[in-house]
Amino acid sequence: GFAKRALSAALGEAGIGYLHLPALGTPPEGREAVRAGRPEEMRRIFARRLAGTEAQAALADLTDRAAREPVCLLCLEADPRNCHRTLV
């Protein structure tokens, strides 16, 4: 439950970098769908986002980084089965 600034600061203190990639986040309507118990709807919404130019550029950046260094994707979703990271 960290806010981005607090998370970045806490990781920085541990010597870990933080990069926020908003293009790979779930849009508000997707978060609403999963909170309402409609994870498949969230997946459709997020898949549309992933098809966009901005998300594709962020995915390319993430792929490049992962080839050079360890990366970790974070999400607020408690149940990994409903997490957008499975699509990323």
N, C-alpha and C. Protein backbone atom coordinates (compact mmCIF):
# COMPACT_ATOMS: atom_id res chain seq x y z
N GLY A 1 0.79 -1.20 0.00
CA GLY A 1 0.00 0.00 0.00
C GLY A 1 0.83 1.26 0.00
N PHE A 2 1.98 1.28 -0.64
CA PHE A 2 2.81 2.48 -0.71
C PHE A 2 2.29 3.44 -1.77
N ALA A 3 2.40 4.72 -1.50
CA ALA A 3 2.23 5.72 -2.55
C ALA A 3 3.52 5.71 -3.37
N LYS A 4 3.47 6.17 -4.61
CA LYS A 4 4.65 6.12 -5.48
C LYS A 4 5.87 6.79 -4.85
N ARG A 5 5.71 7.96 -4.29
CA ARG A 5 6.86 8.67 -3.70
C ARG A 5 7.43 7.91 -2.51
N ALA A 6 6.56 7.40 -1.66
CA ALA A 6 7.03 6.65 -0.49
C ALA A 6 7.70 5.36 -0.92
N LEU A 7 7.14 4.68 -1.91
CA LEU A 7 7.74 3.46 -2.41
C LEU A 7 9.12 3.75 -3.01
N SER A 8 9.19 4.77 -3.83
CA SER A 8 10.47 5.15 -4.44
C SER A 8 11.52 5.46 -3.39
N ALA A 9 11.13 6.21 -2.36
CA ALA A 9 12.07 6.56 -1.29
C ALA A 9 12.52 5.32 -0.52
N ALA A 10 11.59 4.45 -0.18
CA ALA A 10 11.93 3.24 0.58
C ALA A 10 12.85 2.33 -0.23
N LEU A 11 12.56 2.17 -1.50
CA LEU A 11 13.43 1.35 -2.35
C LEU A 11 14.80 2.00 -2.51
N GLY A 12 14.81 3.31 -2.69
CA GLY A 12 16.08 4.04 -2.83
C GLY A 12 16.98 3.84 -1.62
N GLU A 13 16.39 3.85 -0.43
CA GLU A 13 17.16 3.63 0.79
C GLU A 13 17.78 2.24 0.81
N ALA A 14 17.15 1.30 0.12
CA ALA A 14 17.66 -0.07 0.06
C ALA A 14 18.57 -0.28 -1.16
N GLY A 15 18.82 0.80 -1.92
CA GLY A 15 19.68 0.69 -3.09
C GLY A 15 19.00 0.09 -4.31
N ILE A 16 17.68 0.17 -4.33
CA ILE A 16 16.90 -0.38 -5.45
C ILE A 16 16.24 0.77 -6.20
N GLY A 17 16.37 0.76 -7.51
CA GLY A 17 15.76 1.80 -8.33
C GLY A 17 14.27 1.57 -8.50
N TYR A 18 13.56 2.65 -8.85
CA TYR A 18 12.11 2.56 -9.06
C TYR A 18 11.76 3.34 -10.32
N LEU A 19 10.99 2.73 -11.17
CA LEU A 19 10.52 3.38 -12.40
C LEU A 19 9.03 3.13 -12.53
N HIS A 20 8.26 4.19 -12.54
CA HIS A 20 6.81 4.07 -12.70
C HIS A 20 6.50 4.10 -14.19
N LEU A 21 5.80 3.10 -14.67
CA LEU A 21 5.39 3.02 -16.08
C LEU A 21 3.88 3.09 -16.16
N PRO A 22 3.32 4.30 -16.12
CA PRO A 22 1.85 4.42 -16.10
C PRO A 22 1.17 3.80 -17.32
N ALA A 23 1.86 3.72 -18.44
CA ALA A 23 1.25 3.12 -19.63
C ALA A 23 0.96 1.64 -19.44
N LEU A 24 1.59 1.02 -18.42
CA LEU A 24 1.36 -0.40 -18.16
C LEU A 24 0.45 -0.63 -16.96
N GLY A 25 -0.16 0.43 -16.49
CA GLY A 25 -1.11 0.32 -15.39
C GLY A 25 -2.53 0.08 -15.89
N THR A 26 -3.34 -0.44 -15.03
CA THR A 26 -4.74 -0.68 -15.38
C THR A 26 -5.51 0.64 -15.37
N PRO A 27 -6.24 0.97 -16.44
CA PRO A 27 -7.02 2.21 -16.44
C PRO A 27 -8.14 2.14 -15.40
N PRO A 28 -8.67 3.29 -15.01
CA PRO A 28 -9.70 3.32 -13.96
C PRO A 28 -10.87 2.38 -14.21
N GLU A 29 -11.35 2.28 -15.45
CA GLU A 29 -12.49 1.40 -15.70
C GLU A 29 -12.10 -0.07 -15.51
N GLY A 30 -10.85 -0.42 -15.72
CA GLY A 30 -10.39 -1.78 -15.47
C GLY A 30 -10.31 -2.08 -13.98
N ARG A 31 -9.82 -1.10 -13.21
CA ARG A 31 -9.77 -1.28 -11.75
C ARG A 31 -11.18 -1.40 -11.20
N GLU A 32 -12.09 -0.62 -11.72
CA GLU A 32 -13.49 -0.69 -11.28
C GLU A 32 -14.09 -2.07 -11.58
N ALA A 33 -13.79 -2.59 -12.75
CA ALA A 33 -14.33 -3.91 -13.13
C ALA A 33 -13.83 -5.00 -12.20
N VAL A 34 -12.54 -4.98 -11.87
CA VAL A 34 -12.01 -6.04 -11.00
C VAL A 34 -12.55 -5.89 -9.58
N ARG A 35 -12.72 -4.66 -9.11
CA ARG A 35 -13.30 -4.45 -7.77
C ARG A 35 -14.74 -4.95 -7.72
N ALA A 36 -15.42 -4.89 -8.86
CA ALA A 36 -16.82 -5.33 -8.93
C ALA A 36 -16.92 -6.84 -9.20
N GLY A 37 -15.77 -7.52 -9.20
CA GLY A 37 -15.80 -8.96 -9.39
C GLY A 37 -15.88 -9.39 -10.84
N ARG A 38 -15.43 -8.52 -11.75
CA ARG A 38 -15.48 -8.84 -13.18
C ARG A 38 -14.06 -8.84 -13.77
N PRO A 39 -13.22 -9.79 -13.34
CA PRO A 39 -11.83 -9.79 -13.80
C PRO A 39 -11.67 -9.98 -15.31
N GLU A 40 -12.57 -10.72 -15.93
CA GLU A 40 -12.47 -10.90 -17.39
C GLU A 40 -12.70 -9.58 -18.13
N GLU A 41 -13.60 -8.77 -17.60
CA GLU A 41 -13.83 -7.44 -18.20
C GLU A 41 -12.56 -6.60 -18.06
N MET A 42 -11.92 -6.66 -16.89
CA MET A 42 -10.67 -5.93 -16.69
C MET A 42 -9.63 -6.39 -17.71
N ARG A 43 -9.55 -7.69 -17.94
CA ARG A 43 -8.57 -8.21 -18.90
C ARG A 43 -8.82 -7.65 -20.30
N ARG A 44 -10.08 -7.57 -20.70
CA ARG A 44 -10.41 -7.02 -22.03
C ARG A 44 -10.03 -5.54 -22.10
N ILE A 45 -10.34 -4.80 -21.06
CA ILE A 45 -10.02 -3.37 -21.01
C ILE A 45 -8.50 -3.18 -21.06
N PHE A 46 -7.78 -3.96 -20.26
CA PHE A 46 -6.34 -3.81 -20.22
C PHE A 46 -5.68 -4.28 -21.51
N ALA A 47 -6.22 -5.32 -22.14
CA ALA A 47 -5.68 -5.79 -23.42
C ALA A 47 -5.78 -4.70 -24.47
N ARG A 48 -6.88 -3.95 -24.46
CA ARG A 48 -7.02 -2.81 -25.40
C ARG A 48 -5.94 -1.78 -25.12
N ARG A 49 -5.67 -1.51 -23.84
CA ARG A 49 -4.63 -0.54 -23.49
C ARG A 49 -3.27 -1.04 -23.97
N LEU A 50 -2.98 -2.32 -23.75
CA LEU A 50 -1.70 -2.87 -24.16
C LEU A 50 -1.46 -2.79 -25.66
N ALA A 51 -2.51 -2.77 -26.44
CA ALA A 51 -2.37 -2.70 -27.89
C ALA A 51 -1.98 -1.31 -28.36
N GLY A 52 -2.08 -0.31 -27.49
CA GLY A 52 -1.80 1.07 -27.87
C GLY A 52 -0.31 1.36 -28.02
N THR A 53 -0.01 2.43 -28.72
CA THR A 53 1.37 2.84 -29.00
C THR A 53 2.17 3.11 -27.72
N GLU A 54 1.56 3.82 -26.78
CA GLU A 54 2.27 4.18 -25.55
C GLU A 54 2.61 2.92 -24.74
N ALA A 55 1.66 2.02 -24.62
CA ALA A 55 1.91 0.78 -23.87
C ALA A 55 2.94 -0.08 -24.58
N GLN A 56 2.90 -0.14 -25.89
CA GLN A 56 3.88 -0.93 -26.63
C GLN A 56 5.29 -0.37 -26.44
N ALA A 57 5.41 0.95 -26.40
CA ALA A 57 6.72 1.57 -26.15
C ALA A 57 7.20 1.24 -24.74
N ALA A 58 6.30 1.28 -23.76
CA ALA A 58 6.66 0.95 -22.38
C ALA A 58 7.06 -0.53 -22.27
N LEU A 59 6.35 -1.40 -22.98
CA LEU A 59 6.71 -2.83 -22.99
C LEU A 59 8.09 -3.04 -23.59
N ALA A 60 8.39 -2.32 -24.67
CA ALA A 60 9.72 -2.44 -25.29
C ALA A 60 10.80 -1.97 -24.32
N ASP A 61 10.55 -0.87 -23.61
CA ASP A 61 11.50 -0.38 -22.61
C ASP A 61 11.68 -1.41 -21.50
N LEU A 62 10.59 -1.96 -21.03
CA LEU A 62 10.64 -2.96 -19.97
C LEU A 62 11.41 -4.20 -20.43
N THR A 63 11.17 -4.65 -21.64
CA THR A 63 11.88 -5.82 -22.20
C THR A 63 13.37 -5.54 -22.27
N ASP A 64 13.73 -4.36 -22.72
CA ASP A 64 15.14 -3.98 -22.81
C ASP A 64 15.79 -3.97 -21.43
N ARG A 65 15.10 -3.37 -20.47
CA ARG A 65 15.63 -3.33 -19.10
C ARG A 65 15.79 -4.74 -18.52
N ALA A 66 14.80 -5.58 -18.75
CA ALA A 66 14.84 -6.95 -18.21
C ALA A 66 15.99 -7.75 -18.80
N ALA A 67 16.40 -7.42 -20.02
CA ALA A 67 17.54 -8.11 -20.64
C ALA A 67 18.86 -7.66 -20.01
N ARG A 68 18.86 -6.46 -19.40
CA ARG A 68 20.09 -5.91 -18.83
C ARG A 68 20.19 -6.03 -17.32
N GLU A 69 19.03 -6.09 -16.64
CA GLU A 69 19.06 -6.06 -15.18
C GLU A 69 17.80 -6.71 -14.63
N PRO A 70 17.85 -7.12 -13.36
CA PRO A 70 16.64 -7.69 -12.75
C PRO A 70 15.53 -6.63 -12.66
N VAL A 71 14.32 -7.04 -12.92
CA VAL A 71 13.17 -6.15 -12.78
C VAL A 71 12.08 -6.86 -11.98
N CYS A 72 11.21 -6.06 -11.40
CA CYS A 72 10.08 -6.58 -10.64
C CYS A 72 8.87 -5.73 -10.97
N LEU A 73 7.78 -6.36 -11.33
CA LEU A 73 6.54 -5.64 -11.62
C LEU A 73 5.67 -5.66 -10.36
N LEU A 74 5.17 -4.51 -10.00
CA LEU A 74 4.33 -4.40 -8.81
C LEU A 74 2.91 -4.06 -9.20
N CYS A 75 1.97 -4.50 -8.35
CA CYS A 75 0.56 -4.21 -8.55
C CYS A 75 -0.12 -4.21 -7.19
N LEU A 76 -1.19 -3.48 -7.07
CA LEU A 76 -1.92 -3.41 -5.81
C LEU A 76 -2.90 -4.56 -5.63
N GLU A 77 -3.18 -5.31 -6.70
CA GLU A 77 -4.15 -6.40 -6.66
C GLU A 77 -3.70 -7.49 -5.69
N ALA A 78 -4.56 -7.87 -4.78
CA ALA A 78 -4.23 -8.89 -3.78
C ALA A 78 -4.23 -10.30 -4.36
N ASP A 79 -5.11 -10.57 -5.32
CA ASP A 79 -5.22 -11.90 -5.91
C ASP A 79 -4.48 -11.93 -7.24
N PRO A 80 -3.37 -12.65 -7.33
CA PRO A 80 -2.59 -12.66 -8.57
C PRO A 80 -3.38 -13.12 -9.80
N ARG A 81 -4.43 -13.90 -9.59
CA ARG A 81 -5.24 -14.35 -10.74
C ARG A 81 -5.99 -13.19 -11.39
N ASN A 82 -6.19 -12.10 -10.65
CA ASN A 82 -6.91 -10.94 -11.18
C ASN A 82 -5.98 -9.79 -11.53
N CYS A 83 -4.70 -10.05 -11.54
CA CYS A 83 -3.72 -8.99 -11.73
C CYS A 83 -3.41 -8.75 -13.20
N HIS A 84 -3.31 -7.49 -13.57
CA HIS A 84 -2.99 -7.13 -14.95
C HIS A 84 -1.57 -7.56 -15.36
N ARG A 85 -0.71 -7.82 -14.37
CA ARG A 85 0.66 -8.24 -14.69
C ARG A 85 0.69 -9.54 -15.46
N THR A 86 -0.33 -10.37 -15.31
CA THR A 86 -0.35 -11.63 -16.06
C THR A 86 -0.43 -11.36 -17.56
N LEU A 87 -0.97 -10.22 -17.94
CA LEU A 87 -1.04 -9.84 -19.36
C LEU A 87 0.24 -9.17 -19.82
N VAL A 88 0.90 -8.46 -18.92
CA VAL A 88 2.16 -7.79 -19.26
C VAL A 88 3.22 -8.85 -19.49
